[in-house]
Each structure stands twice: as C-alpha cells, then as structure tokens.
Amino acid sequence: MEEKRLTEGLVHVYTGDGKGKTTAALGQALRTVGCGYKVFMVQFLKGGDSGELHSVKNLEPDFQIFRFDTAKKFFWTLTDEEKQVVKSNIDKAFAFVEEVLQQESCDLLILDEIMGVLSNKILTVQQVCDLIKNKPKHMELILTGRNVPQEIAELADYVSEIKMIKHPFQKGIGAREGIEH
C-alpha cells in the first residue's frame, strides 16, 4: 500500500507569552495522526517528565516525541558547564532534525521550544530559516516558543500568538502535573 503524504506542507509558528503553545502543537499532531499521517515532535530545552510523553506512547510509531536534553532547570539557571552539555545535546537534536527532513521521515515535524533555543543563542536564526527553506514540499512544520524572530515569522504561513491575560503563577500557583507538565 502506498504511504499517504500531505500534498502541500506549510509552516506554523505558535508564539507568545501565554500558556498553550506546546498544547496547540500537540492538538494539531493528534489531528494529523488521526488522519493517518506520521508525526515527529522534537522537544528542545525540556528534560523533565511531562504528560504528553506518556500519552504519545499509545500512538507510536505514528506519533513519536524525541528529546535530547536531560536538564530539568531553566537554561539561564545552569552553570557554564551545564550549558555546554545542553548546547551539545541541542546540536545533536538539530542534526537529527536535519536528517528527518532529508529522509522525509514524517509528515508533520514539530520543533517544540525552538524559539527558546534561539533566545538563548544556542542556534542561530539563520540555521532555523535555512531549515524552513529546505523542508520537503509535502512536510508540515510547527515551531513553538516565545519571541519569534521576524525572519522566521516572515517565512511562516501561520503565525499564532498566544497572549497571557491572566495566569495562576501570578497568584503563586506553580506548575501542576497534568496541566502545565
């Protein structure tokens, strides 16, 4: 049987200071996998446990999440040595992403928190722009994270901003299992 392919893959950006960028990407992934397409999500700057890791196991091999990072703290709180480890892991993750694009291994590729990688100057905006420009025609691409650079926004077909109006952390309520992670 011939494998299904999207006829035209577009580029989405989910950005902003509000909660829900990864959640939106996961929602699109569920829709895509439910229609018989293959989804890969590469999570950057995320090393802790999260509910989606467990849920997606039920959808493998059609939906897979890849992580290369083990840090469980925010990047800016890491020591210089820990930052070097994260940088090395992100370089490996980016090489994996380039291989996925070259081999056309999935129909929807999600680069979760890639904007955080750019904000922390671990990869360059040009590297991500080149990746977008070189993606296969049929592959859909989603990039998430705060502070999308203008160059990436201009290349995207969709740019959705999730704006925080109110958030529980403003009242001292921390991240809760099953909701924020």
N, C-alpha and C. Protein backbone atom coordinates (compact mmCIF):
# COMPACT_ATOMS: atom_id res chain seq x y z
N MET A 1 0.84 -1.18 0.00
CA MET A 1 0.00 0.00 0.00
C MET A 1 0.89 1.25 0.00
N GLU A 2 0.50 2.23 -0.80
CA GLU A 2 1.27 3.46 -0.89
C GLU A 2 1.05 4.30 0.37
N GLU A 3 2.15 4.87 0.85
CA GLU A 3 2.11 5.70 2.04
C GLU A 3 1.43 7.04 1.72
N LYS A 4 0.58 7.52 2.65
CA LYS A 4 -0.07 8.82 2.47
C LYS A 4 0.94 9.94 2.65
N ARG A 5 0.79 11.00 1.89
CA ARG A 5 1.61 12.20 2.03
C ARG A 5 0.71 13.41 1.92
N LEU A 6 1.04 14.44 2.67
CA LEU A 6 0.36 15.72 2.51
C LEU A 6 0.72 16.28 1.14
N THR A 7 -0.22 16.95 0.50
CA THR A 7 0.09 17.50 -0.83
C THR A 7 0.93 18.76 -0.73
N GLU A 8 0.68 19.58 0.28
CA GLU A 8 1.45 20.80 0.45
C GLU A 8 1.66 21.05 1.93
N GLY A 9 2.90 20.97 2.39
CA GLY A 9 3.21 21.21 3.79
C GLY A 9 3.50 22.68 4.04
N LEU A 10 2.86 23.23 5.04
CA LEU A 10 3.04 24.64 5.39
C LEU A 10 3.79 24.77 6.71
N VAL A 11 4.08 26.00 7.09
CA VAL A 11 4.87 26.28 8.30
C VAL A 11 4.00 27.07 9.27
N HIS A 12 3.89 26.55 10.51
CA HIS A 12 3.13 27.20 11.58
C HIS A 12 4.11 27.69 12.64
N VAL A 13 3.80 28.81 13.27
CA VAL A 13 4.52 29.28 14.46
C VAL A 13 3.49 29.55 15.53
N TYR A 14 3.69 28.94 16.70
CA TYR A 14 2.87 29.23 17.88
C TYR A 14 3.78 29.95 18.86
N THR A 15 3.48 31.21 19.11
CA THR A 15 4.35 32.05 19.91
C THR A 15 3.54 32.84 20.93
N GLY A 16 4.21 33.64 21.73
CA GLY A 16 3.54 34.49 22.71
C GLY A 16 3.90 34.12 24.13
N ASP A 17 3.44 34.95 25.07
CA ASP A 17 3.78 34.74 26.48
C ASP A 17 2.72 33.93 27.22
N GLY A 18 1.69 33.48 26.53
CA GLY A 18 0.63 32.71 27.18
C GLY A 18 0.89 31.22 27.19
N LYS A 19 0.16 30.52 28.05
CA LYS A 19 0.23 29.07 28.14
C LYS A 19 -0.50 28.46 26.95
N GLY A 20 0.07 27.42 26.37
CA GLY A 20 -0.66 26.68 25.36
C GLY A 20 0.02 26.49 24.02
N LYS A 21 1.25 26.92 23.87
CA LYS A 21 1.94 26.76 22.59
C LYS A 21 2.22 25.28 22.29
N THR A 22 2.78 24.59 23.24
CA THR A 22 3.03 23.15 23.06
C THR A 22 1.70 22.41 22.96
N THR A 23 0.74 22.82 23.77
CA THR A 23 -0.58 22.18 23.75
C THR A 23 -1.23 22.33 22.38
N ALA A 24 -1.11 23.49 21.76
CA ALA A 24 -1.65 23.70 20.42
C ALA A 24 -0.95 22.79 19.41
N ALA A 25 0.36 22.67 19.52
CA ALA A 25 1.12 21.80 18.62
C ALA A 25 0.69 20.34 18.80
N LEU A 26 0.47 19.93 20.04
CA LEU A 26 0.02 18.56 20.31
C LEU A 26 -1.38 18.32 19.75
N GLY A 27 -2.22 19.33 19.83
CA GLY A 27 -3.57 19.21 19.26
C GLY A 27 -3.51 18.99 17.75
N GLN A 28 -2.67 19.76 17.07
CA GLN A 28 -2.50 19.57 15.63
C GLN A 28 -1.94 18.18 15.34
N ALA A 29 -1.00 17.75 16.17
CA ALA A 29 -0.41 16.43 16.00
C ALA A 29 -1.46 15.33 16.11
N LEU A 30 -2.36 15.45 17.09
CA LEU A 30 -3.42 14.45 17.25
C LEU A 30 -4.32 14.41 16.02
N ARG A 31 -4.66 15.58 15.49
CA ARG A 31 -5.49 15.64 14.29
C ARG A 31 -4.76 14.97 13.11
N THR A 32 -3.49 15.27 12.96
CA THR A 32 -2.72 14.76 11.83
C THR A 32 -2.55 13.25 11.92
N VAL A 33 -2.20 12.75 13.10
CA VAL A 33 -2.02 11.30 13.28
C VAL A 33 -3.36 10.58 13.12
N GLY A 34 -4.44 11.22 13.55
CA GLY A 34 -5.77 10.63 13.41
C GLY A 34 -6.20 10.47 11.97
N CYS A 35 -5.62 11.23 11.08
CA CYS A 35 -5.92 11.13 9.65
C CYS A 35 -4.95 10.22 8.91
N GLY A 36 -4.10 9.52 9.66
CA GLY A 36 -3.23 8.51 9.06
C GLY A 36 -1.85 8.99 8.66
N TYR A 37 -1.43 10.16 9.16
CA TYR A 37 -0.10 10.68 8.84
C TYR A 37 0.86 10.46 10.00
N LYS A 38 2.13 10.53 9.71
CA LYS A 38 3.18 10.29 10.71
C LYS A 38 3.67 11.63 11.27
N VAL A 39 3.82 11.69 12.62
CA VAL A 39 4.21 12.91 13.31
C VAL A 39 5.43 12.66 14.18
N PHE A 40 6.40 13.57 14.07
CA PHE A 40 7.55 13.60 14.97
C PHE A 40 7.54 14.95 15.69
N MET A 41 7.78 14.91 16.99
CA MET A 41 7.95 16.12 17.78
C MET A 41 9.33 16.06 18.41
N VAL A 42 10.13 17.09 18.19
CA VAL A 42 11.43 17.20 18.84
C VAL A 42 11.28 18.30 19.88
N GLN A 43 11.48 17.95 21.15
CA GLN A 43 11.36 18.92 22.23
C GLN A 43 12.74 19.40 22.63
N PHE A 44 12.91 20.71 22.57
CA PHE A 44 14.16 21.36 22.96
C PHE A 44 14.01 21.96 24.34
N LEU A 45 15.10 21.98 25.11
CA LEU A 45 15.14 22.61 26.44
C LEU A 45 14.13 22.02 27.41
N LYS A 46 13.76 20.77 27.19
CA LYS A 46 12.82 20.10 28.08
C LYS A 46 13.42 18.76 28.46
N GLY A 47 13.64 18.56 29.76
CA GLY A 47 14.22 17.31 30.22
C GLY A 47 13.38 16.62 31.28
N GLY A 48 12.41 17.34 31.84
CA GLY A 48 11.59 16.76 32.90
C GLY A 48 10.44 15.94 32.35
N ASP A 49 9.80 15.21 33.24
CA ASP A 49 8.65 14.38 32.88
C ASP A 49 7.49 15.29 32.49
N SER A 50 6.68 14.83 31.56
CA SER A 50 5.52 15.58 31.13
C SER A 50 4.47 14.60 30.61
N GLY A 51 3.21 14.93 30.79
CA GLY A 51 2.11 14.03 30.44
C GLY A 51 2.10 13.57 29.00
N GLU A 52 2.49 14.45 28.07
CA GLU A 52 2.44 14.06 26.66
C GLU A 52 3.38 12.92 26.34
N LEU A 53 4.48 12.79 27.10
CA LEU A 53 5.41 11.69 26.86
C LEU A 53 4.73 10.34 27.06
N HIS A 54 3.85 10.27 28.04
CA HIS A 54 3.14 9.03 28.35
C HIS A 54 1.99 8.77 27.37
N SER A 55 1.26 9.82 27.03
CA SER A 55 0.13 9.68 26.11
C SER A 55 0.58 9.23 24.72
N VAL A 56 1.64 9.82 24.24
CA VAL A 56 2.10 9.54 22.89
C VAL A 56 2.58 8.11 22.74
N LYS A 57 3.03 7.49 23.83
CA LYS A 57 3.46 6.08 23.75
C LYS A 57 2.35 5.21 23.17
N ASN A 58 1.08 5.58 23.44
CA ASN A 58 -0.06 4.82 22.91
C ASN A 58 -0.26 5.02 21.41
N LEU A 59 0.39 6.01 20.83
CA LEU A 59 0.22 6.32 19.42
C LEU A 59 1.44 5.95 18.58
N GLU A 60 2.49 5.43 19.23
CA GLU A 60 3.69 5.04 18.49
C GLU A 60 3.39 3.86 17.58
N PRO A 61 4.00 3.73 16.44
CA PRO A 61 5.09 4.53 15.90
C PRO A 61 4.62 5.73 15.08
N ASP A 62 3.30 5.94 14.97
CA ASP A 62 2.79 7.03 14.13
C ASP A 62 3.05 8.42 14.71
N PHE A 63 3.19 8.51 16.02
CA PHE A 63 3.49 9.78 16.68
C PHE A 63 4.59 9.49 17.68
N GLN A 64 5.73 10.16 17.50
CA GLN A 64 6.87 9.95 18.39
C GLN A 64 7.42 11.29 18.85
N ILE A 65 7.82 11.34 20.13
CA ILE A 65 8.47 12.51 20.70
C ILE A 65 9.93 12.17 20.94
N PHE A 66 10.80 13.06 20.51
CA PHE A 66 12.24 12.89 20.68
C PHE A 66 12.78 14.00 21.56
N ARG A 67 13.57 13.61 22.54
CA ARG A 67 14.23 14.57 23.42
C ARG A 67 15.70 14.22 23.47
N PHE A 68 16.52 15.25 23.48
CA PHE A 68 17.96 15.06 23.55
C PHE A 68 18.53 15.71 24.81
N ASP A 69 17.68 16.44 25.53
CA ASP A 69 18.12 17.19 26.70
C ASP A 69 17.74 16.45 27.97
N THR A 70 18.56 16.61 28.99
CA THR A 70 18.27 15.99 30.28
C THR A 70 18.14 17.03 31.39
N ALA A 71 18.45 18.28 31.09
CA ALA A 71 18.38 19.35 32.11
C ALA A 71 16.95 19.53 32.59
N LYS A 72 16.80 19.70 33.87
CA LYS A 72 15.47 19.88 34.46
C LYS A 72 15.31 21.29 35.03
N LYS A 73 16.25 22.19 34.67
CA LYS A 73 16.21 23.58 35.14
C LYS A 73 16.15 24.49 33.93
N PHE A 74 15.75 25.73 34.17
CA PHE A 74 15.76 26.72 33.10
C PHE A 74 17.20 26.99 32.67
N PHE A 75 17.39 27.25 31.37
CA PHE A 75 18.72 27.43 30.81
C PHE A 75 19.52 28.49 31.54
N TRP A 76 18.88 29.61 31.85
CA TRP A 76 19.60 30.73 32.48
C TRP A 76 20.04 30.43 33.90
N THR A 77 19.55 29.34 34.50
CA THR A 77 19.96 28.97 35.86
C THR A 77 21.10 27.95 35.86
N LEU A 78 21.51 27.50 34.68
CA LEU A 78 22.55 26.47 34.59
C LEU A 78 23.94 27.06 34.73
N THR A 79 24.87 26.25 35.20
CA THR A 79 26.28 26.65 35.24
C THR A 79 26.82 26.64 33.81
N ASP A 80 27.97 27.22 33.59
CA ASP A 80 28.58 27.23 32.26
C ASP A 80 28.82 25.81 31.76
N GLU A 81 29.23 24.94 32.65
CA GLU A 81 29.47 23.54 32.28
C GLU A 81 28.16 22.86 31.86
N GLU A 82 27.10 23.09 32.63
CA GLU A 82 25.79 22.52 32.29
C GLU A 82 25.28 23.08 30.96
N LYS A 83 25.53 24.36 30.71
CA LYS A 83 25.10 24.98 29.44
C LYS A 83 25.81 24.33 28.26
N GLN A 84 27.08 23.97 28.44
CA GLN A 84 27.82 23.30 27.36
C GLN A 84 27.21 21.94 27.05
N VAL A 85 26.77 21.22 28.08
CA VAL A 85 26.11 19.92 27.87
C VAL A 85 24.81 20.12 27.09
N VAL A 86 24.03 21.13 27.49
CA VAL A 86 22.78 21.42 26.80
C VAL A 86 23.06 21.78 25.34
N LYS A 87 24.05 22.61 25.11
CA LYS A 87 24.41 23.01 23.74
C LYS A 87 24.78 21.79 22.89
N SER A 88 25.55 20.90 23.46
CA SER A 88 25.93 19.68 22.75
C SER A 88 24.69 18.84 22.41
N ASN A 89 23.77 18.73 23.36
CA ASN A 89 22.54 17.97 23.13
C ASN A 89 21.68 18.62 22.05
N ILE A 90 21.63 19.95 22.06
CA ILE A 90 20.83 20.67 21.06
C ILE A 90 21.45 20.52 19.68
N ASP A 91 22.76 20.54 19.61
CA ASP A 91 23.43 20.29 18.33
C ASP A 91 23.06 18.91 17.79
N LYS A 92 23.01 17.90 18.67
CA LYS A 92 22.61 16.55 18.26
C LYS A 92 21.15 16.54 17.80
N ALA A 93 20.30 17.24 18.53
CA ALA A 93 18.88 17.30 18.17
C ALA A 93 18.71 17.97 16.81
N PHE A 94 19.44 19.05 16.58
CA PHE A 94 19.32 19.76 15.31
C PHE A 94 19.82 18.90 14.15
N ALA A 95 20.88 18.16 14.37
CA ALA A 95 21.38 17.23 13.34
C ALA A 95 20.32 16.16 13.05
N PHE A 96 19.64 15.68 14.10
CA PHE A 96 18.55 14.72 13.93
C PHE A 96 17.44 15.33 13.08
N VAL A 97 17.06 16.58 13.38
CA VAL A 97 16.01 17.27 12.62
C VAL A 97 16.42 17.38 11.15
N GLU A 98 17.64 17.75 10.89
CA GLU A 98 18.11 17.85 9.50
C GLU A 98 18.03 16.50 8.79
N GLU A 99 18.34 15.42 9.51
CA GLU A 99 18.25 14.08 8.94
C GLU A 99 16.79 13.71 8.66
N VAL A 100 15.88 14.05 9.59
CA VAL A 100 14.45 13.80 9.40
C VAL A 100 13.96 14.50 8.13
N LEU A 101 14.39 15.74 7.93
CA LEU A 101 13.99 16.48 6.73
C LEU A 101 14.56 15.83 5.47
N GLN A 102 15.82 15.49 5.52
CA GLN A 102 16.49 14.90 4.36
C GLN A 102 15.85 13.56 3.98
N GLN A 103 15.53 12.75 4.99
CA GLN A 103 14.97 11.43 4.73
C GLN A 103 13.44 11.45 4.60
N GLU A 104 12.85 12.63 4.83
CA GLU A 104 11.39 12.77 4.77
C GLU A 104 10.71 11.72 5.64
N SER A 105 11.15 11.64 6.90
CA SER A 105 10.74 10.59 7.83
C SER A 105 9.35 10.75 8.41
N CYS A 106 8.74 11.94 8.25
CA CYS A 106 7.40 12.17 8.82
C CYS A 106 6.66 13.17 7.95
N ASP A 107 5.37 13.33 8.26
CA ASP A 107 4.53 14.28 7.52
C ASP A 107 4.41 15.60 8.25
N LEU A 108 4.40 15.54 9.58
CA LEU A 108 4.36 16.73 10.42
C LEU A 108 5.54 16.67 11.38
N LEU A 109 6.35 17.71 11.36
CA LEU A 109 7.50 17.81 12.25
C LEU A 109 7.29 19.02 13.16
N ILE A 110 7.34 18.78 14.46
CA ILE A 110 7.17 19.85 15.44
C ILE A 110 8.50 20.11 16.12
N LEU A 111 8.93 21.37 16.12
CA LEU A 111 10.14 21.78 16.83
C LEU A 111 9.68 22.58 18.04
N ASP A 112 9.44 21.86 19.13
CA ASP A 112 8.87 22.45 20.34
C ASP A 112 9.94 23.21 21.12
N GLU A 113 9.67 24.47 21.39
CA GLU A 113 10.54 25.38 22.14
C GLU A 113 11.82 25.73 21.39
N ILE A 114 11.73 25.70 20.06
CA ILE A 114 12.89 26.10 19.25
C ILE A 114 13.19 27.59 19.42
N MET A 115 12.16 28.39 19.70
CA MET A 115 12.40 29.83 19.90
C MET A 115 13.23 30.07 21.16
N GLY A 116 13.06 29.23 22.17
CA GLY A 116 13.88 29.32 23.37
C GLY A 116 15.35 29.03 23.07
N VAL A 117 15.58 28.11 22.16
CA VAL A 117 16.94 27.79 21.73
C VAL A 117 17.57 29.03 21.07
N LEU A 118 16.76 29.72 20.26
CA LEU A 118 17.25 30.93 19.59
C LEU A 118 17.46 32.07 20.59
N SER A 119 16.52 32.25 21.51
CA SER A 119 16.64 33.32 22.52
C SER A 119 17.89 33.16 23.36
N ASN A 120 18.26 31.91 23.62
CA ASN A 120 19.45 31.62 24.41
C ASN A 120 20.72 31.53 23.56
N LYS A 121 20.57 31.83 22.27
CA LYS A 121 21.69 31.89 21.33
C LYS A 121 22.47 30.56 21.23
N ILE A 122 21.72 29.46 21.31
CA ILE A 122 22.33 28.14 21.18
C ILE A 122 22.42 27.76 19.70
N LEU A 123 21.40 28.11 18.94
CA LEU A 123 21.42 28.02 17.48
C LEU A 123 21.17 29.41 16.94
N THR A 124 21.41 29.60 15.65
CA THR A 124 21.19 30.92 15.05
C THR A 124 19.84 30.96 14.34
N VAL A 125 19.32 32.15 14.19
CA VAL A 125 18.10 32.36 13.43
C VAL A 125 18.31 31.87 11.99
N GLN A 126 19.49 32.11 11.44
CA GLN A 126 19.79 31.69 10.07
C GLN A 126 19.71 30.17 9.93
N GLN A 127 20.18 29.42 10.92
CA GLN A 127 20.10 27.96 10.86
C GLN A 127 18.65 27.50 10.76
N VAL A 128 17.77 28.12 11.55
CA VAL A 128 16.36 27.72 11.54
C VAL A 128 15.69 28.19 10.25
N CYS A 129 16.03 29.38 9.77
CA CYS A 129 15.49 29.85 8.48
C CYS A 129 15.90 28.92 7.35
N ASP A 130 17.14 28.49 7.34
CA ASP A 130 17.61 27.56 6.31
C ASP A 130 16.85 26.25 6.38
N LEU A 131 16.58 25.78 7.59
CA LEU A 131 15.83 24.55 7.78
C LEU A 131 14.43 24.70 7.19
N ILE A 132 13.78 25.83 7.46
CA ILE A 132 12.43 26.07 6.92
C ILE A 132 12.47 26.10 5.39
N LYS A 133 13.43 26.80 4.84
CA LYS A 133 13.53 26.94 3.39
C LYS A 133 13.82 25.60 2.70
N ASN A 134 14.47 24.68 3.41
CA ASN A 134 14.87 23.40 2.82
C ASN A 134 13.97 22.23 3.18
N LYS A 135 12.86 22.50 3.86
CA LYS A 135 11.98 21.39 4.22
C LYS A 135 11.33 20.80 2.98
N PRO A 136 11.02 19.51 3.01
CA PRO A 136 10.33 18.91 1.87
C PRO A 136 8.98 19.59 1.63
N LYS A 137 8.58 19.67 0.38
CA LYS A 137 7.34 20.35 -0.02
C LYS A 137 6.11 19.79 0.70
N HIS A 138 6.07 18.50 0.90
CA HIS A 138 4.87 17.87 1.47
C HIS A 138 4.87 17.87 3.01
N MET A 139 5.95 18.29 3.65
CA MET A 139 6.06 18.19 5.11
C MET A 139 5.54 19.46 5.80
N GLU A 140 4.64 19.27 6.76
CA GLU A 140 4.14 20.37 7.59
C GLU A 140 5.15 20.57 8.72
N LEU A 141 5.36 21.81 9.10
CA LEU A 141 6.35 22.14 10.13
C LEU A 141 5.73 23.10 11.14
N ILE A 142 5.87 22.78 12.43
CA ILE A 142 5.39 23.65 13.51
C ILE A 142 6.57 24.02 14.38
N LEU A 143 6.70 25.32 14.67
CA LEU A 143 7.74 25.82 15.57
C LEU A 143 7.05 26.52 16.74
N THR A 144 7.50 26.24 17.96
CA THR A 144 6.87 26.88 19.12
C THR A 144 7.90 27.65 19.94
N GLY A 145 7.38 28.54 20.75
CA GLY A 145 8.20 29.27 21.71
C GLY A 145 7.96 30.77 21.65
N ARG A 146 8.35 31.43 22.73
CA ARG A 146 8.19 32.88 22.84
C ARG A 146 9.15 33.61 21.91
N ASN A 147 8.80 34.84 21.60
CA ASN A 147 9.70 35.78 20.90
C ASN A 147 10.18 35.27 19.55
N VAL A 148 9.24 35.00 18.67
CA VAL A 148 9.62 34.54 17.32
C VAL A 148 10.38 35.67 16.61
N PRO A 149 11.55 35.36 16.07
CA PRO A 149 12.28 36.36 15.28
C PRO A 149 11.49 36.73 14.01
N GLN A 150 11.60 37.97 13.60
CA GLN A 150 10.87 38.47 12.43
C GLN A 150 11.18 37.65 11.18
N GLU A 151 12.43 37.24 11.01
CA GLU A 151 12.81 36.47 9.82
C GLU A 151 12.03 35.15 9.73
N ILE A 152 11.80 34.53 10.88
CA ILE A 152 11.04 33.26 10.91
C ILE A 152 9.56 33.54 10.68
N ALA A 153 9.04 34.58 11.31
CA ALA A 153 7.63 34.95 11.12
C ALA A 153 7.33 35.21 9.65
N GLU A 154 8.26 35.84 8.95
CA GLU A 154 8.06 36.14 7.53
C GLU A 154 8.04 34.87 6.67
N LEU A 155 8.78 33.85 7.05
CA LEU A 155 8.81 32.60 6.30
C LEU A 155 7.59 31.72 6.59
N ALA A 156 6.95 31.91 7.72
CA ALA A 156 5.83 31.06 8.15
C ALA A 156 4.57 31.37 7.35
N ASP A 157 3.72 30.35 7.24
CA ASP A 157 2.41 30.51 6.62
C ASP A 157 1.35 30.88 7.65
N TYR A 158 1.52 30.38 8.88
CA TYR A 158 0.64 30.70 10.00
C TYR A 158 1.52 31.24 11.12
N VAL A 159 1.10 32.30 11.75
CA VAL A 159 1.74 32.75 12.99
C VAL A 159 0.60 33.03 13.97
N SER A 160 0.55 32.26 15.04
CA SER A 160 -0.48 32.41 16.06
C SER A 160 0.17 32.84 17.35
N GLU A 161 -0.31 33.95 17.91
CA GLU A 161 0.23 34.45 19.17
C GLU A 161 -0.72 34.10 20.29
N ILE A 162 -0.19 33.44 21.29
CA ILE A 162 -0.96 33.09 22.48
C ILE A 162 -0.58 34.09 23.55
N LYS A 163 -1.52 34.96 23.86
CA LYS A 163 -1.24 36.07 24.76
C LYS A 163 -1.75 35.76 26.17
N MET A 164 -0.90 36.05 27.16
CA MET A 164 -1.31 35.85 28.54
C MET A 164 -2.13 37.07 28.99
N ILE A 165 -3.31 36.80 29.45
CA ILE A 165 -4.15 37.82 30.07
C ILE A 165 -4.07 37.64 31.59
N LYS A 166 -4.10 36.39 31.99
CA LYS A 166 -4.08 36.05 33.42
C LYS A 166 -3.48 34.65 33.53
N HIS A 167 -2.72 34.42 34.59
CA HIS A 167 -2.08 33.11 34.77
C HIS A 167 -1.99 32.83 36.27
N PRO A 168 -2.20 31.57 36.69
CA PRO A 168 -2.14 31.23 38.12
C PRO A 168 -0.81 31.54 38.81
N PHE A 169 0.30 31.55 38.05
CA PHE A 169 1.58 31.84 38.72
C PHE A 169 1.59 33.26 39.28
N GLN A 170 0.75 34.12 38.75
CA GLN A 170 0.63 35.49 39.29
C GLN A 170 0.09 35.48 40.72
N LYS A 171 -0.58 34.38 41.08
CA LYS A 171 -1.10 34.21 42.44
C LYS A 171 -0.26 33.23 43.25
N GLY A 172 0.90 32.88 42.70
CA GLY A 172 1.80 31.98 43.42
C GLY A 172 1.51 30.50 43.20
N ILE A 173 0.66 30.15 42.26
CA ILE A 173 0.35 28.75 41.98
C ILE A 173 1.36 28.25 40.94
N GLY A 174 2.13 27.24 41.31
CA GLY A 174 3.15 26.69 40.43
C GLY A 174 2.59 25.74 39.40
N ALA A 175 3.48 25.22 38.56
CA ALA A 175 3.10 24.26 37.54
C ALA A 175 2.50 23.02 38.17
N ARG A 176 1.39 22.56 37.59
CA ARG A 176 0.67 21.39 38.13
C ARG A 176 0.75 20.22 37.17
N GLU A 177 0.95 19.04 37.74
CA GLU A 177 1.01 17.82 36.94
C GLU A 177 -0.30 17.64 36.17
N GLY A 178 -0.19 17.29 34.90
CA GLY A 178 -1.35 17.05 34.07
C GLY A 178 -1.93 18.31 33.45
N ILE A 179 -1.48 19.48 33.87
CA ILE A 179 -1.97 20.74 33.31
C ILE A 179 -0.83 21.50 32.64
N GLU A 180 0.19 21.87 33.40
CA GLU A 180 1.33 22.58 32.82
C GLU A 180 2.48 21.64 32.44
N HIS A 181 2.49 20.44 32.96
CA HIS A 181 3.53 19.48 32.56
C HIS A 181 3.01 18.07 32.69
